[in-house]
Amino acid sequence: MDVIYTQHKIELYQIEKLLVYSLFVIHLYLRELKPLNTNKLEMPFPHCSLDLYQV
């Protein structure tokens, strides 16, 4: 029982690491895109930020 639990924890930790890594890659990608469209906001979800700034 204990072994299964630790194994599950390790899998969760690896998934977490993968998520953080992918978010970091997306952030870098957006930073690279920024010079191309400087007037657009640097956010992963542009529609959300546009809604915020149009209020």
Protein backbone atom coordinates (compact mmCIF):
# COMPACT_ATOMS: atom_id res chain seq x y z
CA MET A 1 0.00 0.00 0.00
CA ASP A 2 2.75 2.41 0.94
CA VAL A 3 4.74 1.70 -2.21
CA ILE A 4 1.75 2.38 -4.46
CA TYR A 5 1.14 5.68 -2.67
CA THR A 6 4.72 6.91 -3.13
CA GLN A 7 4.71 5.83 -6.75
CA HIS A 8 1.53 7.82 -7.32
CA LYS A 9 3.08 10.86 -5.63
CA ILE A 10 6.11 10.64 -7.90
CA GLU A 11 3.86 10.51 -10.98
CA LEU A 12 1.97 13.57 -9.80
CA TYR A 13 5.23 15.39 -9.19
CA GLN A 14 6.42 14.60 -12.72
CA ILE A 15 3.15 15.89 -14.20
CA GLU A 16 3.50 19.05 -12.13
CA LYS A 17 7.04 19.54 -13.38
CA LEU A 18 5.89 19.08 -16.96
CA LEU A 19 3.15 21.68 -16.52
CA VAL A 20 5.53 24.23 -15.06
CA TYR A 21 8.00 23.57 -17.86
CA SER A 22 5.37 23.98 -20.57
CA LEU A 23 4.15 27.23 -19.01
CA PHE A 24 7.73 28.50 -18.98
CA VAL A 25 8.17 27.58 -22.65
CA ILE A 26 4.92 29.37 -23.54
CA HIS A 27 6.11 32.43 -21.63
CA LEU A 28 9.39 32.48 -23.54
CA TYR A 29 7.53 32.01 -26.81
CA LEU A 30 5.29 34.97 -26.04
CA ARG A 31 8.31 37.07 -25.11
CA GLU A 32 9.87 36.25 -28.47
CA LEU A 33 6.67 37.26 -30.25
CA LYS A 34 6.43 40.59 -28.43
CA PRO A 35 8.69 42.60 -30.79
CA LEU A 36 6.47 41.59 -33.72
CA ASN A 37 3.31 43.04 -32.18
CA THR A 38 4.28 45.64 -29.60
CA ASN A 39 0.82 47.17 -29.42
CA LYS A 40 -0.71 43.88 -28.27
CA LEU A 41 -0.66 42.90 -24.62
CA GLU A 42 1.78 40.26 -23.49
CA MET A 43 -0.69 37.73 -22.12
CA PRO A 44 -1.37 34.07 -22.81
CA PHE A 45 -5.10 34.75 -23.16
CA PRO A 46 -5.50 37.87 -25.28
CA HIS A 47 -9.30 37.85 -25.28
CA CYS A 48 -9.35 38.01 -21.47
CA SER A 49 -6.91 40.92 -21.31
CA LEU A 50 -8.77 42.78 -24.04
CA ASP A 51 -12.02 42.41 -22.12
CA LEU A 52 -10.30 43.77 -19.03
CA TYR A 53 -8.92 46.82 -20.79
CA GLN A 54 -12.05 47.66 -22.72
CA VAL A 55 -14.08 48.23 -19.54
